[in-house]
N, C-alpha and C. Protein backbone atom coordinates (compact mmCIF):
# COMPACT_ATOMS: atom_id res chain seq x y z
N MET A 1 -21.05 24.22 26.51
CA MET A 1 -21.10 22.78 26.52
C MET A 1 -22.34 22.39 27.28
N THR A 2 -23.03 21.46 26.83
CA THR A 2 -24.17 20.82 27.50
C THR A 2 -23.79 19.72 28.53
N ALA A 3 -24.68 19.66 29.58
CA ALA A 3 -24.35 18.52 30.51
C ALA A 3 -25.03 17.32 30.11
N PRO A 4 -24.65 16.16 30.65
CA PRO A 4 -25.26 14.89 30.31
C PRO A 4 -26.59 14.96 31.02
N LEU A 5 -27.53 14.10 30.33
CA LEU A 5 -28.69 13.85 30.93
C LEU A 5 -28.60 13.03 32.45
N SER A 6 -29.61 13.34 33.05
CA SER A 6 -29.51 12.92 34.48
C SER A 6 -29.66 11.26 34.43
N ARG A 7 -29.18 10.60 35.38
CA ARG A 7 -29.21 9.14 35.27
C ARG A 7 -30.84 8.49 35.39
N ASP A 8 -31.57 9.22 36.20
CA ASP A 8 -32.99 9.07 36.37
C ASP A 8 -33.67 9.01 35.02
N LEU A 9 -33.39 10.17 34.40
CA LEU A 9 -33.92 10.25 32.91
C LEU A 9 -33.48 9.09 31.90
N ARG A 10 -32.28 8.93 32.09
CA ARG A 10 -31.61 7.85 31.34
C ARG A 10 -32.28 6.47 31.45
N LEU A 11 -32.49 6.13 32.83
CA LEU A 11 -33.04 4.96 33.07
C LEU A 11 -34.42 4.89 32.72
N ARG A 12 -35.18 5.92 32.79
CA ARG A 12 -36.54 5.92 32.33
C ARG A 12 -36.75 5.72 30.84
N MET A 13 -35.86 6.32 30.01
CA MET A 13 -35.85 6.16 28.51
C MET A 13 -35.48 4.73 28.22
N VAL A 14 -34.59 4.14 28.86
CA VAL A 14 -34.07 2.74 28.46
C VAL A 14 -35.48 1.76 28.97
N ARG A 15 -35.91 1.84 30.09
CA ARG A 15 -37.18 1.19 30.42
C ARG A 15 -38.32 1.22 29.48
N ALA A 16 -38.48 2.40 29.00
CA ALA A 16 -39.51 2.68 28.13
C ALA A 16 -39.30 1.94 26.77
N VAL A 17 -38.01 1.98 26.40
CA VAL A 17 -37.66 1.34 25.07
C VAL A 17 -37.88 -0.24 25.19
N GLU A 18 -37.22 -0.56 26.37
CA GLU A 18 -37.30 -2.02 26.74
C GLU A 18 -38.76 -2.65 27.05
N ALA A 19 -39.70 -1.77 27.37
CA ALA A 19 -41.18 -2.20 27.49
C ALA A 19 -41.76 -2.15 26.25
N GLY A 20 -41.06 -1.73 25.18
CA GLY A 20 -41.74 -1.93 23.83
C GLY A 20 -42.07 -0.57 23.02
N SER A 21 -41.94 0.68 23.75
CA SER A 21 -42.07 1.73 22.88
C SER A 21 -41.06 2.04 21.85
N THR A 22 -41.55 2.63 20.84
CA THR A 22 -40.55 3.01 19.76
C THR A 22 -39.73 4.03 20.25
N VAL A 23 -38.60 4.21 19.43
CA VAL A 23 -37.54 5.29 19.83
C VAL A 23 -38.22 6.66 19.59
N ARG A 24 -38.98 6.90 18.74
CA ARG A 24 -39.46 8.21 18.52
C ARG A 24 -40.63 8.44 19.38
N VAL A 25 -41.32 7.53 19.92
CA VAL A 25 -42.31 7.74 20.92
C VAL A 25 -41.60 8.21 22.26
N VAL A 26 -40.50 7.70 22.70
CA VAL A 26 -39.93 7.76 23.85
C VAL A 26 -39.10 9.08 23.76
N ALA A 27 -38.67 9.46 22.60
CA ALA A 27 -37.98 10.78 22.30
C ALA A 27 -38.92 11.85 22.54
N GLU A 28 -40.24 11.67 22.04
CA GLU A 28 -41.15 12.83 22.20
C GLU A 28 -41.67 12.83 23.67
N ARG A 29 -41.74 11.83 24.34
CA ARG A 29 -42.28 11.69 25.56
C ARG A 29 -41.44 12.45 26.67
N TYR A 30 -39.96 12.10 26.35
CA TYR A 30 -39.08 12.86 27.21
C TYR A 30 -38.33 13.96 26.67
N GLU A 31 -38.91 14.58 25.41
CA GLU A 31 -38.36 15.82 25.00
C GLU A 31 -36.86 15.84 24.69
N VAL A 32 -36.60 14.84 23.93
CA VAL A 32 -35.14 14.57 23.52
C VAL A 32 -35.19 14.23 22.04
N SER A 33 -33.95 14.21 21.21
CA SER A 33 -34.13 13.89 19.94
C SER A 33 -34.12 12.19 19.81
N PRO A 34 -34.55 11.85 18.71
CA PRO A 34 -34.70 10.33 18.45
C PRO A 34 -33.25 9.81 18.55
N SER A 35 -32.20 10.50 18.04
CA SER A 35 -30.81 10.13 17.99
C SER A 35 -30.19 9.90 19.25
N THR A 36 -30.72 10.66 20.37
CA THR A 36 -30.29 10.70 21.67
C THR A 36 -30.75 9.46 22.39
N VAL A 37 -31.92 8.90 22.04
CA VAL A 37 -32.49 7.58 22.45
C VAL A 37 -31.67 6.54 21.89
N VAL A 38 -31.48 6.62 20.64
CA VAL A 38 -30.76 5.51 19.76
C VAL A 38 -29.44 5.34 20.38
N LYS A 39 -28.59 6.47 20.68
CA LYS A 39 -27.29 6.44 21.06
C LYS A 39 -27.21 5.83 22.53
N LEU A 40 -28.23 6.28 23.17
CA LEU A 40 -28.37 5.69 24.53
C LEU A 40 -28.68 4.18 24.62
N MET A 41 -29.47 3.68 23.98
CA MET A 41 -29.56 2.16 23.85
C MET A 41 -28.43 1.54 23.24
N GLN A 42 -27.72 2.17 22.24
CA GLN A 42 -26.48 1.35 21.79
C GLN A 42 -25.54 1.42 22.89
N ARG A 43 -25.36 2.49 23.75
CA ARG A 43 -24.39 2.58 24.89
C ARG A 43 -24.79 1.41 25.77
N VAL A 44 -26.02 1.27 26.14
CA VAL A 44 -26.45 0.29 27.11
C VAL A 44 -26.12 -1.07 26.63
N ARG A 45 -26.43 -1.26 25.31
CA ARG A 45 -26.11 -2.74 24.70
C ARG A 45 -24.62 -2.97 24.71
N ARG A 46 -23.84 -1.95 24.61
CA ARG A 46 -22.28 -1.96 24.46
C ARG A 46 -21.77 -2.24 25.90
N THR A 47 -22.18 -1.33 26.87
CA THR A 47 -21.51 -1.34 28.17
C THR A 47 -22.38 -1.82 29.30
N GLY A 48 -23.68 -1.96 29.07
CA GLY A 48 -24.54 -2.44 30.17
C GLY A 48 -24.68 -1.47 31.29
N SER A 49 -24.51 -0.17 30.74
CA SER A 49 -24.44 0.78 31.76
C SER A 49 -25.24 2.13 31.10
N VAL A 50 -25.92 2.95 31.90
CA VAL A 50 -26.55 4.08 31.47
C VAL A 50 -25.75 5.28 31.72
N ALA A 51 -24.52 5.13 32.38
CA ALA A 51 -23.74 6.36 32.74
C ALA A 51 -23.01 6.82 31.39
N PRO A 52 -23.09 8.32 31.51
CA PRO A 52 -22.60 9.07 30.22
C PRO A 52 -21.00 8.79 30.19
N GLY A 53 -20.55 8.98 29.05
CA GLY A 53 -19.18 8.75 28.76
C GLY A 53 -18.49 9.80 29.24
N GLN A 54 -16.99 10.00 29.15
CA GLN A 54 -16.38 11.20 29.51
C GLN A 54 -16.58 12.31 28.55
N ILE A 55 -16.73 13.54 29.02
CA ILE A 55 -16.85 14.77 28.38
C ILE A 55 -15.47 15.40 28.44
N GLY A 56 -14.89 15.66 27.34
CA GLY A 56 -13.60 16.53 27.48
C GLY A 56 -12.46 15.79 27.80
N GLY A 57 -11.53 16.44 28.24
CA GLY A 57 -10.20 15.73 28.76
C GLY A 57 -8.89 16.09 27.82
N GLN A 58 -7.87 15.86 28.20
CA GLN A 58 -6.58 16.34 27.73
C GLN A 58 -6.16 15.17 26.77
N ARG A 59 -5.77 15.68 25.72
CA ARG A 59 -4.97 14.72 24.62
C ARG A 59 -3.68 14.81 24.79
N LYS A 60 -3.05 13.58 24.59
CA LYS A 60 -1.51 13.45 24.77
C LYS A 60 -0.82 14.03 23.37
N PRO A 61 0.16 14.92 23.46
CA PRO A 61 0.63 15.56 22.25
C PRO A 61 1.18 14.25 21.49
N LEU A 62 1.09 14.52 20.12
CA LEU A 62 1.40 13.64 19.23
C LEU A 62 2.85 13.21 19.25
N LEU A 63 3.93 14.30 19.54
CA LEU A 63 5.17 14.12 19.47
C LEU A 63 5.76 13.74 20.96
N ALA A 64 4.92 13.43 21.86
CA ALA A 64 5.31 13.06 23.26
C ALA A 64 6.36 11.91 23.32
N PRO A 65 6.16 10.92 22.44
CA PRO A 65 7.33 9.95 22.46
C PRO A 65 8.63 10.36 22.00
N TYR A 66 8.64 11.26 21.38
CA TYR A 66 9.99 11.78 20.64
C TYR A 66 10.52 13.18 21.50
N ALA A 67 9.96 13.36 22.66
CA ALA A 67 10.39 14.64 23.38
C ALA A 67 11.81 14.49 23.66
N ASP A 68 12.46 13.36 24.11
CA ASP A 68 13.81 13.12 24.29
C ASP A 68 14.73 13.28 23.02
N LEU A 69 14.27 12.79 21.90
CA LEU A 69 15.06 13.13 20.80
C LEU A 69 15.11 14.56 20.36
N LEU A 70 14.01 15.26 20.67
CA LEU A 70 14.03 16.49 20.20
C LEU A 70 14.92 17.41 21.18
N LEU A 71 14.87 17.23 22.50
CA LEU A 71 15.80 17.70 23.42
C LEU A 71 17.14 17.56 22.94
N GLU A 72 17.54 16.23 22.70
CA GLU A 72 18.97 15.88 22.30
C GLU A 72 19.35 16.61 20.93
N LEU A 73 18.45 16.67 20.05
CA LEU A 73 18.87 17.27 18.86
C LEU A 73 19.04 18.89 18.90
N THR A 74 18.29 19.44 19.88
CA THR A 74 18.40 20.88 19.99
C THR A 74 19.43 21.39 21.02
N LYS A 75 19.99 20.45 21.76
CA LYS A 75 21.11 20.65 22.71
C LYS A 75 22.32 20.62 22.12
N THR A 76 22.72 20.39 20.78
CA THR A 76 23.84 20.10 20.32
C THR A 76 24.61 21.46 20.13
N GLY A 77 24.22 22.54 20.23
CA GLY A 77 24.75 23.76 20.25
C GLY A 77 24.62 24.45 18.78
N LYS A 78 24.71 23.68 17.88
CA LYS A 78 24.48 24.15 16.49
C LYS A 78 22.99 24.54 15.98
N GLY A 79 22.59 25.40 15.32
CA GLY A 79 21.29 25.51 14.95
C GLY A 79 20.71 24.43 13.94
N ILE A 80 19.61 24.16 14.31
CA ILE A 80 18.84 23.16 13.43
C ILE A 80 17.37 23.59 13.21
N THR A 81 17.04 23.32 11.92
CA THR A 81 15.76 23.87 11.47
C THR A 81 14.77 22.85 11.81
N LEU A 82 13.41 23.39 11.86
CA LEU A 82 12.28 22.54 12.12
C LEU A 82 12.20 21.51 11.08
N ALA A 83 12.57 21.63 9.76
CA ALA A 83 12.35 20.73 8.87
C ALA A 83 13.45 19.53 9.16
N GLU A 84 14.57 19.95 9.42
CA GLU A 84 15.55 19.03 9.89
C GLU A 84 15.06 18.15 11.11
N LEU A 85 14.47 18.69 12.12
CA LEU A 85 13.88 18.08 13.22
C LEU A 85 12.75 17.10 12.71
N ARG A 86 12.08 17.53 11.91
CA ARG A 86 10.99 16.60 11.24
C ARG A 86 11.55 15.46 10.49
N GLU A 87 12.64 15.69 9.82
CA GLU A 87 13.22 14.50 9.05
C GLU A 87 13.93 13.52 10.08
N ALA A 88 14.47 13.91 11.19
CA ALA A 88 14.86 13.21 12.23
C ALA A 88 13.79 12.27 12.84
N ILE A 89 12.87 13.00 13.13
CA ILE A 89 11.60 12.17 13.70
C ILE A 89 11.17 11.05 12.79
N VAL A 90 10.97 11.42 11.50
CA VAL A 90 10.57 10.40 10.36
C VAL A 90 11.56 9.33 10.30
N ALA A 91 12.99 9.68 10.37
CA ALA A 91 13.92 8.61 10.36
C ALA A 91 13.89 7.70 11.41
N ARG A 92 13.52 8.15 12.60
CA ARG A 92 13.31 7.10 13.60
C ARG A 92 12.01 6.50 13.75
N GLY A 93 11.26 6.63 12.73
CA GLY A 93 9.99 5.78 12.50
C GLY A 93 8.78 6.60 13.10
N GLY A 94 8.98 7.96 13.35
CA GLY A 94 7.92 8.61 13.82
C GLY A 94 6.92 9.16 12.71
N PRO A 95 5.74 9.94 13.09
CA PRO A 95 4.96 10.52 12.09
C PRO A 95 5.50 11.65 11.29
N ARG A 96 5.06 11.90 10.13
CA ARG A 96 5.49 12.99 9.37
C ARG A 96 4.44 14.10 9.77
N VAL A 97 4.99 15.07 10.45
CA VAL A 97 3.80 16.07 11.19
C VAL A 97 4.23 17.37 10.49
N ASP A 98 3.43 18.39 10.63
CA ASP A 98 3.59 19.81 10.20
C ASP A 98 4.58 20.39 10.96
N LEU A 99 5.20 21.34 10.53
CA LEU A 99 6.30 22.06 11.24
C LEU A 99 5.81 22.82 12.56
N SER A 100 4.44 23.24 12.31
CA SER A 100 4.07 23.90 13.46
C SER A 100 3.72 23.06 14.69
N THR A 101 3.64 21.75 14.45
CA THR A 101 3.43 20.58 15.50
C THR A 101 4.72 20.61 16.17
N ILE A 102 5.79 20.55 15.47
CA ILE A 102 7.18 20.37 16.03
C ILE A 102 7.44 21.77 16.87
N TRP A 103 7.10 22.88 16.36
CA TRP A 103 7.25 24.10 17.05
C TRP A 103 6.44 24.14 18.36
N HIS A 104 5.20 23.80 18.23
CA HIS A 104 4.46 23.60 19.54
C HIS A 104 5.03 22.54 20.61
N MET A 105 5.58 21.75 20.07
CA MET A 105 6.25 20.51 20.99
C MET A 105 7.41 21.19 21.84
N LEU A 106 8.28 21.95 20.92
CA LEU A 106 9.53 22.55 21.46
C LEU A 106 9.01 23.64 22.51
N ARG A 107 7.97 24.37 22.30
CA ARG A 107 7.43 25.34 23.18
C ARG A 107 7.03 24.63 24.43
N ARG A 108 6.16 23.34 24.35
CA ARG A 108 5.78 22.70 25.34
C ARG A 108 6.99 22.14 26.25
N LEU A 109 8.14 21.92 25.63
CA LEU A 109 9.35 21.47 26.26
C LEU A 109 10.18 22.68 27.00
N GLY A 110 9.55 23.83 26.71
CA GLY A 110 10.32 24.93 27.32
C GLY A 110 11.52 25.48 26.55
N LEU A 111 11.52 25.19 25.15
CA LEU A 111 12.58 25.59 24.22
C LEU A 111 12.16 26.85 23.49
N THR A 112 12.76 27.82 23.27
CA THR A 112 12.23 29.06 22.58
C THR A 112 13.28 29.39 21.47
N HIS A 113 13.10 30.13 20.61
CA HIS A 113 13.91 30.65 19.48
C HIS A 113 14.67 31.73 19.92
N LYS A 114 15.95 31.80 19.95
CA LYS A 114 16.86 32.85 20.31
C LYS A 114 17.74 33.47 19.09
N LYS A 115 17.49 34.64 18.82
CA LYS A 115 18.43 35.21 17.84
C LYS A 115 19.67 35.40 18.28
N ARG A 116 20.60 35.34 17.38
CA ARG A 116 22.13 35.56 17.78
C ARG A 116 22.42 36.83 17.07
N ALA A 117 23.25 37.39 17.61
CA ALA A 117 23.85 38.74 17.01
C ALA A 117 24.89 38.60 16.11
């Protein structure tokens, strides 16, 4: 993954564009792509800052709001299929997700598939 450009370089590019240089001239001078300069100027106009945006981060699981429901349905003692879990989520106004999404959420909650003899 690449690192963001330094604050100093960002400031110099913004000053050059604001002084009247074209995006292509600034990009060539500082050896970056023209789209980099365009996106930087859009960011400056939108936020007023040359600071880079967040890189990476953790996404919240799609089914996180339904974790309690999933735990409740799986604790009943009788077997329940992933398809039945999906229908229960949809019935409560949740998204219609793929079965693997439900499986991953169950794993995240510490639930595993146990075979019975």
